[in-house]
PDB file of N, CA and C in Angstrom:
ATOM      1  N   UNK A   1      -1.332  43.990 -96.479  1.00  0.00           N
ATOM      2  CA  UNK A   1      -2.783  43.928 -96.484  1.00  0.00           C
ATOM      3  C   UNK A   1      -3.288  44.021 -95.047  1.00  0.00           C
ATOM      4  N   UNK A   2      -4.274  44.830 -94.809  1.00  0.00           N
ATOM      5  CA  UNK A   2      -4.806  45.023 -93.469  1.00  0.00           C
ATOM      6  C   UNK A   2      -5.576  43.787 -93.027  1.00  0.00           C
ATOM      7  N   UNK A   3      -5.551  43.516 -91.723  1.00  0.00           N
ATOM      8  CA  UNK A   3      -6.345  42.429 -91.185  1.00  0.00           C
ATOM      9  C   UNK A   3      -7.805  42.820 -91.188  1.00  0.00           C
ATOM     10  N   UNK A   4      -8.666  41.890 -91.432  1.00  0.00           N
ATOM     11  CA  UNK A   4     -10.088  42.191 -91.437  1.00  0.00           C
ATOM     12  C   UNK A   4     -10.761  41.454 -90.288  1.00  0.00           C
ATOM     13  N   UNK A   5     -11.942  41.912 -89.937  1.00  0.00           N
ATOM     14  CA  UNK A   5     -12.691  41.270 -88.863  1.00  0.00           C
ATOM     15  C   UNK A   5     -13.007  39.835 -89.234  1.00  0.00           C
ATOM     16  N   UNK A   6     -13.367  39.591 -90.495  1.00  0.00           N
ATOM     17  CA  UNK A   6     -13.674  38.221 -90.899  1.00  0.00           C
ATOM     18  C   UNK A   6     -12.443  37.326 -90.763  1.00  0.00           C
ATOM     19  N   UNK A   7     -11.263  37.875 -91.030  1.00  0.00           N
ATOM     20  CA  UNK A   7     -10.032  37.096 -90.859  1.00  0.00           C
ATOM     21  C   UNK A   7      -9.820  36.752 -89.392  1.00  0.00           C
ATOM     22  N   UNK A   8     -10.015  37.726 -88.520  1.00  0.00           N
ATOM     23  CA  UNK A   8      -9.839  37.501 -87.080  1.00  0.00           C
ATOM     24  C   UNK A   8     -10.825  36.457 -86.589  1.00  0.00           C
ATOM     25  N   UNK A   9     -12.104  36.601 -86.934  1.00  0.00           N
ATOM     26  CA  UNK A   9     -13.107  35.653 -86.453  1.00  0.00           C
ATOM     27  C   UNK A   9     -12.914  34.278 -87.082  1.00  0.00           C
ATOM     28  N   UNK A  10     -12.468  34.227 -88.320  1.00  0.00           N
ATOM     29  CA  UNK A  10     -12.209  32.921 -88.955  1.00  0.00           C
ATOM     30  C   UNK A  10     -11.121  32.189 -88.202  1.00  0.00           C
ATOM     31  N   UNK A  11     -10.086  32.905 -87.829  1.00  0.00           N
ATOM     32  CA  UNK A  11      -8.993  32.271 -87.097  1.00  0.00           C
ATOM     33  C   UNK A  11      -9.436  31.849 -85.703  1.00  0.00           C
ATOM     34  N   UNK A  12     -10.304  32.634 -85.061  1.00  0.00           N
ATOM     35  CA  UNK A  12     -10.796  32.266 -83.739  1.00  0.00           C
ATOM     36  C   UNK A  12     -11.664  31.024 -83.813  1.00  0.00           C
ATOM     37  N   UNK A  13     -12.401  30.861 -84.883  1.00  0.00           N
ATOM     38  CA  UNK A  13     -13.282  29.708 -85.001  1.00  0.00           C
ATOM     39  C   UNK A  13     -12.498  28.401 -85.048  1.00  0.00           C
ATOM     40  N   UNK A  14     -11.209  28.461 -85.313  1.00  0.00           N
ATOM     41  CA  UNK A  14     -10.398  27.252 -85.262  1.00  0.00           C
ATOM     42  C   UNK A  14     -10.326  26.741 -83.827  1.00  0.00           C
ATOM     43  N   UNK A  15     -10.495  27.636 -82.844  1.00  0.00           N
ATOM     44  CA  UNK A  15     -10.351  27.263 -81.448  1.00  0.00           C
ATOM     45  C   UNK A  15     -11.692  27.099 -80.741  1.00  0.00           C
ATOM     46  N   UNK A  16     -12.679  27.878 -81.124  1.00  0.00           N
ATOM     47  CA  UNK A  16     -13.986  27.824 -80.481  1.00  0.00           C
ATOM     48  C   UNK A  16     -15.073  27.897 -81.538  1.00  0.00           C
ATOM     49  N   UNK A  17     -16.234  27.466 -81.172  1.00  0.00           N
ATOM     50  CA  UNK A  17     -17.416  27.593 -82.022  1.00  0.00           C
ATOM     51  C   UNK A  17     -18.449  28.394 -81.227  1.00  0.00           C
ATOM     52  N   UNK A  18     -18.299  29.719 -81.201  1.00  0.00           N
ATOM     53  CA  UNK A  18     -19.204  30.535 -80.391  1.00  0.00           C
ATOM     54  C   UNK A  18     -20.597  30.605 -81.011  1.00  0.00           C
ATOM     55  N   UNK A  19     -21.618  30.767 -80.162  1.00  0.00           N
ATOM     56  CA  UNK A  19     -22.969  30.916 -80.688  1.00  0.00           C
ATOM     57  C   UNK A  19     -23.164  32.253 -81.409  1.00  0.00           C
ATOM     58  N   UNK A  20     -22.323  33.243 -81.076  1.00  0.00           N
ATOM     59  CA  UNK A  20     -22.423  34.564 -81.704  1.00  0.00           C
ATOM     60  C   UNK A  20     -21.093  35.293 -81.542  1.00  0.00           C
ATOM     61  N   UNK A  21     -20.860  36.261 -82.423  1.00  0.00           N
ATOM     62  CA  UNK A  21     -19.691  37.127 -82.331  1.00  0.00           C
ATOM     63  C   UNK A  21     -20.208  38.560 -82.380  1.00  0.00           C
ATOM     64  N   UNK A  22     -19.861  39.346 -81.360  1.00  0.00           N
ATOM     65  CA  UNK A  22     -20.316  40.732 -81.265  1.00  0.00           C
ATOM     66  C   UNK A  22     -19.123  41.674 -81.374  1.00  0.00           C
ATOM     67  N   UNK A  23     -19.287  42.727 -82.152  1.00  0.00           N
ATOM     68  CA  UNK A  23     -18.261  43.757 -82.290  1.00  0.00           C
ATOM     69  C   UNK A  23     -18.679  44.970 -81.486  1.00  0.00           C
ATOM     70  N   UNK A  24     -17.776  45.474 -80.668  1.00  0.00           N
ATOM     71  CA  UNK A  24     -18.034  46.713 -79.939  1.00  0.00           C
ATOM     72  C   UNK A  24     -17.703  47.855 -80.885  1.00  0.00           C
ATOM     73  N   UNK A  25     -18.669  48.718 -81.163  1.00  0.00           N
ATOM     74  CA  UNK A  25     -18.532  49.705 -82.229  1.00  0.00           C
ATOM     75  C   UNK A  25     -17.565  50.837 -81.911  1.00  0.00           C
ATOM     76  N   UNK A  26     -17.481  51.224 -80.648  1.00  0.00           N
ATOM     77  CA  UNK A  26     -16.663  52.379 -80.272  1.00  0.00           C
ATOM     78  C   UNK A  26     -15.232  51.952 -79.943  1.00  0.00           C
ATOM     79  N   UNK A  27     -14.257  52.839 -80.124  1.00  0.00           N
ATOM     80  CA  UNK A  27     -12.908  52.518 -79.657  1.00  0.00           C
ATOM     81  C   UNK A  27     -12.938  52.427 -78.138  1.00  0.00           C
ATOM     82  N   UNK A  28     -12.086  51.601 -77.577  1.00  0.00           N
ATOM     83  CA  UNK A  28     -12.106  51.450 -76.127  1.00  0.00           C
ATOM     84  C   UNK A  28     -10.710  51.619 -75.560  1.00  0.00           C
ATOM     85  N   UNK A  29     -10.662  51.848 -74.272  1.00  0.00           N
ATOM     86  CA  UNK A  29      -9.414  52.026 -73.543  1.00  0.00           C
ATOM     87  C   UNK A  29      -8.709  50.674 -73.453  1.00  0.00           C
ATOM     88  N   UNK A  30      -7.580  50.542 -74.096  1.00  0.00           N
ATOM     89  CA  UNK A  30      -6.896  49.246 -74.166  1.00  0.00           C
ATOM     90  C   UNK A  30      -6.267  48.831 -72.847  1.00  0.00           C
ATOM     91  N   UNK A  31      -6.327  49.689 -71.840  1.00  0.00           N
ATOM     92  CA  UNK A  31      -5.851  49.288 -70.511  1.00  0.00           C
ATOM     93  C   UNK A  31      -6.852  48.381 -69.820  1.00  0.00           C
ATOM     94  N   UNK A  32      -8.080  48.336 -70.333  1.00  0.00           N
ATOM     95  CA  UNK A  32      -9.091  47.458 -69.743  1.00  0.00           C
ATOM     96  C   UNK A  32      -8.745  46.005 -70.048  1.00  0.00           C
ATOM     97  N   UNK A  33      -8.974  45.171 -69.056  1.00  0.00           N
ATOM     98  CA  UNK A  33      -8.736  43.751 -69.235  1.00  0.00           C
ATOM     99  C   UNK A  33     -10.059  43.006 -69.047  1.00  0.00           C
ATOM    100  N   UNK A  34     -10.022  41.812 -68.525  1.00  0.00           N
ATOM    101  CA  UNK A  34     -11.212  40.973 -68.451  1.00  0.00           C
ATOM    102  C   UNK A  34     -12.349  41.641 -67.676  1.00  0.00           C
ATOM    103  N   UNK A  35     -12.082  42.160 -66.492  1.00  0.00           N
ATOM    104  CA  UNK A  35     -13.150  42.770 -65.695  1.00  0.00           C
ATOM    105  C   UNK A  35     -13.742  43.989 -66.383  1.00  0.00           C
ATOM    106  N   UNK A  36     -12.904  44.860 -66.924  1.00  0.00           N
ATOM    107  CA  UNK A  36     -13.384  46.051 -67.608  1.00  0.00           C
ATOM    108  C   UNK A  36     -14.167  45.730 -68.866  1.00  0.00           C
ATOM    109  N   UNK A  37     -13.688  44.756 -69.637  1.00  0.00           N
ATOM    110  CA  UNK A  37     -14.396  44.361 -70.859  1.00  0.00           C
ATOM    111  C   UNK A  37     -15.719  43.679 -70.534  1.00  0.00           C
ATOM    112  N   UNK A  38     -15.741  42.873 -69.483  1.00  0.00           N
ATOM    113  CA  UNK A  38     -16.994  42.235 -69.059  1.00  0.00           C
ATOM    114  C   UNK A  38     -18.021  43.279 -68.660  1.00  0.00           C
ATOM    115  N   UNK A  39     -17.564  44.334 -67.992  1.00  0.00           N
ATOM    116  CA  UNK A  39     -18.467  45.413 -67.599  1.00  0.00           C
ATOM    117  C   UNK A  39     -19.040  46.122 -68.823  1.00  0.00           C
ATOM    118  N   UNK A  40     -18.217  46.339 -69.850  1.00  0.00           N
ATOM    119  CA  UNK A  40     -18.700  46.947 -71.095  1.00  0.00           C
ATOM    120  C   UNK A  40     -19.746  46.058 -71.750  1.00  0.00           C
ATOM    121  N   UNK A  41     -19.476  44.752 -71.784  1.00  0.00           N
ATOM    122  CA  UNK A  41     -20.415  43.804 -72.397  1.00  0.00           C
ATOM    123  C   UNK A  41     -21.775  43.888 -71.706  1.00  0.00           C
ATOM    124  N   UNK A  42     -21.773  43.910 -70.378  1.00  0.00           N
ATOM    125  CA  UNK A  42     -23.036  43.946 -69.637  1.00  0.00           C
ATOM    126  C   UNK A  42     -23.729  45.304 -69.720  1.00  0.00           C
ATOM    127  N   UNK A  43     -22.977  46.367 -69.459  1.00  0.00           N
ATOM    128  CA  UNK A  43     -23.586  47.694 -69.331  1.00  0.00           C
ATOM    129  C   UNK A  43     -23.891  48.360 -70.665  1.00  0.00           C
ATOM    130  N   UNK A  44     -22.989  48.253 -71.628  1.00  0.00           N
ATOM    131  CA  UNK A  44     -23.149  48.999 -72.876  1.00  0.00           C
ATOM    132  C   UNK A  44     -23.669  48.148 -74.034  1.00  0.00           C
ATOM    133  N   UNK A  45     -23.360  46.852 -74.005  1.00  0.00           N
ATOM    134  CA  UNK A  45     -23.818  45.987 -75.093  1.00  0.00           C
ATOM    135  C   UNK A  45     -25.072  45.210 -74.706  1.00  0.00           C
ATOM    136  N   UNK A  46     -25.446  45.276 -73.422  1.00  0.00           N
ATOM    137  CA  UNK A  46     -26.636  44.608 -72.896  1.00  0.00           C
ATOM    138  C   UNK A  46     -26.627  43.110 -73.198  1.00  0.00           C
ATOM    139  N   UNK A  47     -25.475  42.497 -72.986  1.00  0.00           N
ATOM    140  CA  UNK A  47     -25.282  41.055 -73.200  1.00  0.00           C
ATOM    141  C   UNK A  47     -24.639  40.452 -71.958  1.00  0.00           C
ATOM    142  N   UNK A  48     -24.708  39.151 -71.848  1.00  0.00           N
ATOM    143  CA  UNK A  48     -24.032  38.457 -70.753  1.00  0.00           C
ATOM    144  C   UNK A  48     -22.660  38.004 -71.225  1.00  0.00           C
ATOM    145  N   UNK A  49     -21.601  38.367 -70.506  1.00  0.00           N
ATOM    146  CA  UNK A  49     -20.273  37.891 -70.902  1.00  0.00           C
ATOM    147  C   UNK A  49     -20.111  36.388 -70.692  1.00  0.00           C
ATOM    148  N   UNK A  50     -21.051  35.756 -69.994  1.00  0.00           N
ATOM    149  CA  UNK A  50     -21.001  34.312 -69.732  1.00  0.00           C
ATOM    150  C   UNK A  50     -21.783  33.502 -70.770  1.00  0.00           C
ATOM    151  N   UNK A  51     -22.209  34.131 -71.851  1.00  0.00           N
ATOM    152  CA  UNK A  51     -23.064  33.476 -72.848  1.00  0.00           C
ATOM    153  C   UNK A  51     -22.311  32.506 -73.750  1.00  0.00           C
ATOM    154  N   UNK A  52     -20.996  32.585 -73.781  1.00  0.00           N
ATOM    155  CA  UNK A  52     -20.218  31.771 -74.717  1.00  0.00           C
ATOM    156  C   UNK A  52     -19.915  32.502 -76.007  1.00  0.00           C
ATOM    157  N   UNK A  53     -20.532  33.667 -76.196  1.00  0.00           N
ATOM    158  CA  UNK A  53     -20.265  34.471 -77.390  1.00  0.00           C
ATOM    159  C   UNK A  53     -18.877  35.099 -77.297  1.00  0.00           C
ATOM    160  N   UNK A  54     -18.353  35.469 -78.431  1.00  0.00           N
ATOM    161  CA  UNK A  54     -17.068  36.179 -78.484  1.00  0.00           C
ATOM    162  C   UNK A  54     -17.378  37.665 -78.665  1.00  0.00           C
ATOM    163  N   UNK A  55     -16.733  38.503 -77.848  1.00  0.00           N
ATOM    164  CA  UNK A  55     -16.905  39.951 -77.898  1.00  0.00           C
ATOM    165  C   UNK A  55     -15.583  40.557 -78.345  1.00  0.00           C
ATOM    166  N   UNK A  56     -15.608  41.287 -79.460  1.00  0.00           N
ATOM    167  CA  UNK A  56     -14.388  41.801 -80.076  1.00  0.00           C
ATOM    168  C   UNK A  56     -14.351  43.322 -79.924  1.00  0.00           C
ATOM    169  N   UNK A  57     -13.194  43.834 -79.492  1.00  0.00           N
ATOM    170  CA  UNK A  57     -12.976  45.252 -79.240  1.00  0.00           C
ATOM    171  C   UNK A  57     -11.757  45.720 -80.026  1.00  0.00           C
ATOM    172  N   UNK A  58     -11.784  46.959 -80.494  1.00  0.00           N
ATOM    173  CA  UNK A  58     -10.676  47.516 -81.265  1.00  0.00           C
ATOM    174  C   UNK A  58     -10.280  48.866 -80.671  1.00  0.00           C
ATOM    175  N   UNK A  59      -9.004  49.201 -80.750  1.00  0.00           N
ATOM    176  CA  UNK A  59      -8.555  50.506 -80.251  1.00  0.00           C
ATOM    177  C   UNK A  59      -8.772  51.586 -81.311  1.00  0.00           C
ATOM    178  N   UNK A  60      -8.602  52.836 -80.929  1.00  0.00           N
ATOM    179  CA  UNK A  60      -8.864  53.970 -81.830  1.00  0.00           C
ATOM    180  C   UNK A  60      -7.952  53.937 -83.054  1.00  0.00           C
ATOM    181  N   UNK A  61      -6.718  53.514 -82.910  1.00  0.00           N
ATOM    182  CA  UNK A  61      -5.770  53.482 -84.027  1.00  0.00           C
ATOM    183  C   UNK A  61      -6.023  52.296 -84.967  1.00  0.00           C
ATOM    184  N   UNK A  62      -6.890  51.384 -84.548  1.00  0.00           N
ATOM    185  CA  UNK A  62      -7.266  50.196 -85.323  1.00  0.00           C
ATOM    186  C   UNK A  62      -6.084  49.280 -85.629  1.00  0.00           C
ATOM    187  N   UNK A  63      -5.091  49.285 -84.751  1.00  0.00           N
ATOM    188  CA  UNK A  63      -3.975  48.359 -84.950  1.00  0.00           C
ATOM    189  C   UNK A  63      -3.966  47.235 -83.909  1.00  0.00           C
ATOM    190  N   UNK A  64      -4.948  47.261 -82.983  1.00  0.00           N
ATOM    191  CA  UNK A  64      -5.032  46.228 -81.945  1.00  0.00           C
ATOM    192  C   UNK A  64      -6.483  45.815 -81.765  1.00  0.00           C
ATOM    193  N   UNK A  65      -6.685  44.521 -81.549  1.00  0.00           N
ATOM    194  CA  UNK A  65      -8.000  44.011 -81.180  1.00  0.00           C
ATOM    195  C   UNK A  65      -7.858  43.092 -79.980  1.00  0.00           C
ATOM    196  N   UNK A  66      -8.914  43.056 -79.191  1.00  0.00           N
ATOM    197  CA  UNK A  66      -9.028  42.096 -78.096  1.00  0.00           C
ATOM    198  C   UNK A  66     -10.353  41.382 -78.260  1.00  0.00           C
ATOM    199  N   UNK A  67     -10.362  40.113 -77.926  1.00  0.00           N
ATOM    200  CA  UNK A  67     -11.581  39.314 -77.991  1.00  0.00           C
ATOM    201  C   UNK A  67     -11.761  38.612 -76.653  1.00  0.00           C
ATOM    202  N   UNK A  68     -12.937  38.773 -76.073  1.00  0.00           N
ATOM    203  CA  UNK A  68     -13.270  38.185 -74.777  1.00  0.00           C
ATOM    204  C   UNK A  68     -14.234  37.028 -74.994  1.00  0.00           C
ATOM    205  N   UNK A  69     -14.001  35.928 -74.271  1.00  0.00           N
ATOM    206  CA  UNK A  69     -14.801  34.722 -74.447  1.00  0.00           C
ATOM    207  C   UNK A  69     -14.857  33.964 -73.129  1.00  0.00           C
ATOM    208  N   UNK A  70     -16.028  33.465 -72.763  1.00  0.00           N
ATOM    209  CA  UNK A  70     -16.197  32.611 -71.579  1.00  0.00           C
ATOM    210  C   UNK A  70     -16.287  31.169 -72.057  1.00  0.00           C
ATOM    211  N   UNK A  71     -15.387  30.298 -71.563  1.00  0.00           N
ATOM    212  CA  UNK A  71     -15.363  28.914 -72.046  1.00  0.00           C
ATOM    213  C   UNK A  71     -15.976  27.912 -71.069  1.00  0.00           C
ATOM    214  N   UNK A  72     -16.885  28.369 -70.233  1.00  0.00           N
ATOM    215  CA  UNK A  72     -17.619  27.567 -69.239  1.00  0.00           C
ATOM    216  C   UNK A  72     -16.835  27.333 -67.962  1.00  0.00           C
ATOM    217  N   UNK A  73     -15.561  27.662 -67.933  1.00  0.00           N
ATOM    218  CA  UNK A  73     -14.780  27.529 -66.699  1.00  0.00           C
ATOM    219  C   UNK A  73     -14.014  28.809 -66.364  1.00  0.00           C
ATOM    220  N   UNK A  74     -13.720  29.603 -67.371  1.00  0.00           N
ATOM    221  CA  UNK A  74     -12.921  30.814 -67.153  1.00  0.00           C
ATOM    222  C   UNK A  74     -13.027  31.713 -68.374  1.00  0.00           C
ATOM    223  N   UNK A  75     -12.657  32.976 -68.190  1.00  0.00           N
ATOM    224  CA  UNK A  75     -12.596  33.894 -69.316  1.00  0.00           C
ATOM    225  C   UNK A  75     -11.304  33.687 -70.093  1.00  0.00           C
ATOM    226  N   UNK A  76     -11.396  33.848 -71.399  1.00  0.00           N
ATOM    227  CA  UNK A  76     -10.224  33.849 -72.270  1.00  0.00           C
ATOM    228  C   UNK A  76     -10.163  35.235 -72.910  1.00  0.00           C
ATOM    229  N   UNK A  77      -8.973  35.762 -73.023  1.00  0.00           N
ATOM    230  CA  UNK A  77      -8.793  37.072 -73.622  1.00  0.00           C
ATOM    231  C   UNK A  77      -7.730  36.949 -74.695  1.00  0.00           C
ATOM    232  N   UNK A  78      -8.138  37.153 -75.952  1.00  0.00           N
ATOM    233  CA  UNK A  78      -7.202  37.115 -77.068  1.00  0.00           C
ATOM    234  C   UNK A  78      -6.801  38.538 -77.433  1.00  0.00           C
ATOM    235  N   UNK A  79      -5.585  38.662 -77.909  1.00  0.00           N
ATOM    236  CA  UNK A  79      -5.044  39.978 -78.249  1.00  0.00           C
ATOM    237  C   UNK A  79      -4.251  39.845 -79.538  1.00  0.00           C
ATOM    238  N   UNK A  80      -4.464  40.781 -80.445  1.00  0.00           N
ATOM    239  CA  UNK A  80      -3.676  40.791 -81.681  1.00  0.00           C
ATOM    240  C   UNK A  80      -3.279  42.223 -81.985  1.00  0.00           C
ATOM    241  N   UNK A  81      -2.012  42.409 -82.332  1.00  0.00           N
ATOM    242  CA  UNK A  81      -1.484  43.732 -82.677  1.00  0.00           C
ATOM    243  C   UNK A  81      -0.831  43.656 -84.043  1.00  0.00           C
ATOM    244  N   UNK A  82      -1.235  44.572 -84.920  1.00  0.00           N
ATOM    245  CA  UNK A  82      -0.627  44.657 -86.242  1.00  0.00           C
ATOM    246  C   UNK A  82       0.555  45.621 -86.170  1.00  0.00           C
ATOM    247  N   UNK A  83       1.639  45.270 -86.779  1.00  0.00           N
ATOM    248  CA  UNK A  83       2.831  46.121 -86.750  1.00  0.00           C
ATOM    249  C   UNK A  83       2.772  47.247 -87.775  1.00  0.00           C
ATOM    250  N   UNK A  84       2.196  46.989 -88.949  1.00  0.00           N
ATOM    251  CA  UNK A  84       2.241  47.990 -90.017  1.00  0.00           C
ATOM    252  C   UNK A  84       0.872  48.383 -90.546  1.00  0.00           C
ATOM    253  N   UNK A  85      -0.110  47.535 -90.434  1.00  0.00           N
ATOM    254  CA  UNK A  85      -1.415  47.778 -91.053  1.00  0.00           C
ATOM    255  C   UNK A  85      -2.473  48.112 -90.022  1.00  0.00           C
ATOM    256  N   UNK A  86      -3.695  48.235 -90.486  1.00  0.00           N
ATOM    257  CA  UNK A  86      -4.827  48.529 -89.615  1.00  0.00           C
ATOM    258  C   UNK A  86      -5.948  47.545 -89.903  1.00  0.00           C
ATOM    259  N   UNK A  87      -6.751  47.261 -88.868  1.00  0.00           N
ATOM    260  CA  UNK A  87      -7.926  46.433 -89.050  1.00  0.00           C
ATOM    261  C   UNK A  87      -9.013  47.253 -89.734  1.00  0.00           C
ATOM    262  N   UNK A  88      -9.771  46.617 -90.584  1.00  0.00           N
ATOM    263  CA  UNK A  88     -10.954  47.259 -91.146  1.00  0.00           C
ATOM    264  C   UNK A  88     -12.016  47.178 -90.057  1.00  0.00           C
ATOM    265  N   UNK A  89     -12.538  48.318 -89.658  1.00  0.00           N
ATOM    266  CA  UNK A  89     -13.480  48.352 -88.547  1.00  0.00           C
ATOM    267  C   UNK A  89     -14.652  49.246 -88.912  1.00  0.00           C
ATOM    268  N   UNK A  90     -15.663  49.210 -88.138  1.00  0.00           N
ATOM    269  CA  UNK A  90     -16.843  50.040 -88.367  1.00  0.00           C
ATOM    270  C   UNK A  90     -16.454  51.505 -88.389  1.00  0.00           C
ATOM    271  N   UNK A  91     -16.991  52.248 -89.325  1.00  0.00           N
ATOM    272  CA  UNK A  91     -16.643  53.658 -89.497  1.00  0.00           C
ATOM    273  C   UNK A  91     -17.601  54.595 -88.771  1.00  0.00           C
ATOM    274  N   UNK A  92     -18.066  54.197 -87.606  1.00  0.00           N
ATOM    275  CA  UNK A  92     -19.035  54.994 -86.866  1.00  0.00           C
ATOM    276  C   UNK A  92     -18.372  55.915 -85.840  1.00  0.00           C
ATOM    277  N   UNK A  93     -17.083  55.828 -85.713  1.00  0.00           N
ATOM    278  CA  UNK A  93     -16.385  56.610 -84.691  1.00  0.00           C
ATOM    279  C   UNK A  93     -16.359  58.076 -85.045  1.00  0.00           C
ATOM    280  N   UNK A  94     -16.466  58.906 -84.034  1.00  0.00           N
ATOM    281  CA  UNK A  94     -16.312  60.348 -84.208  1.00  0.00           C
ATOM    282  C   UNK A  94     -14.872  60.703 -83.883  1.00  0.00           C
ATOM    283  N   UNK A  95     -14.263  61.487 -84.716  1.00  0.00           N
ATOM    284  CA  UNK A  95     -12.858  61.855 -84.482  1.00  0.00           C
ATOM    285  C   UNK A  95     -12.776  63.174 -83.772  1.00  0.00           C
TER     286      UNK A  95
END
């Protein structure tokens, strides 16, 4: 069974209670880390990465997600990779 966004966010809520969860609609370059993802949040999503919200990103193959979160002292970056399945993600991507 493929992982779903609700499953990912439900599991994250065990660790944090963010005021909001934002999904980045486009596939992104998975070589980006905290600085690159923070820049996307500010420039393309028009949000502050320091808001306490969780920002979730998915790769083009939909087998990996990253979630960026500011916990008032430092950034946290979560990563999940599926070995066999794909995440259900927004179908707005152009192939």
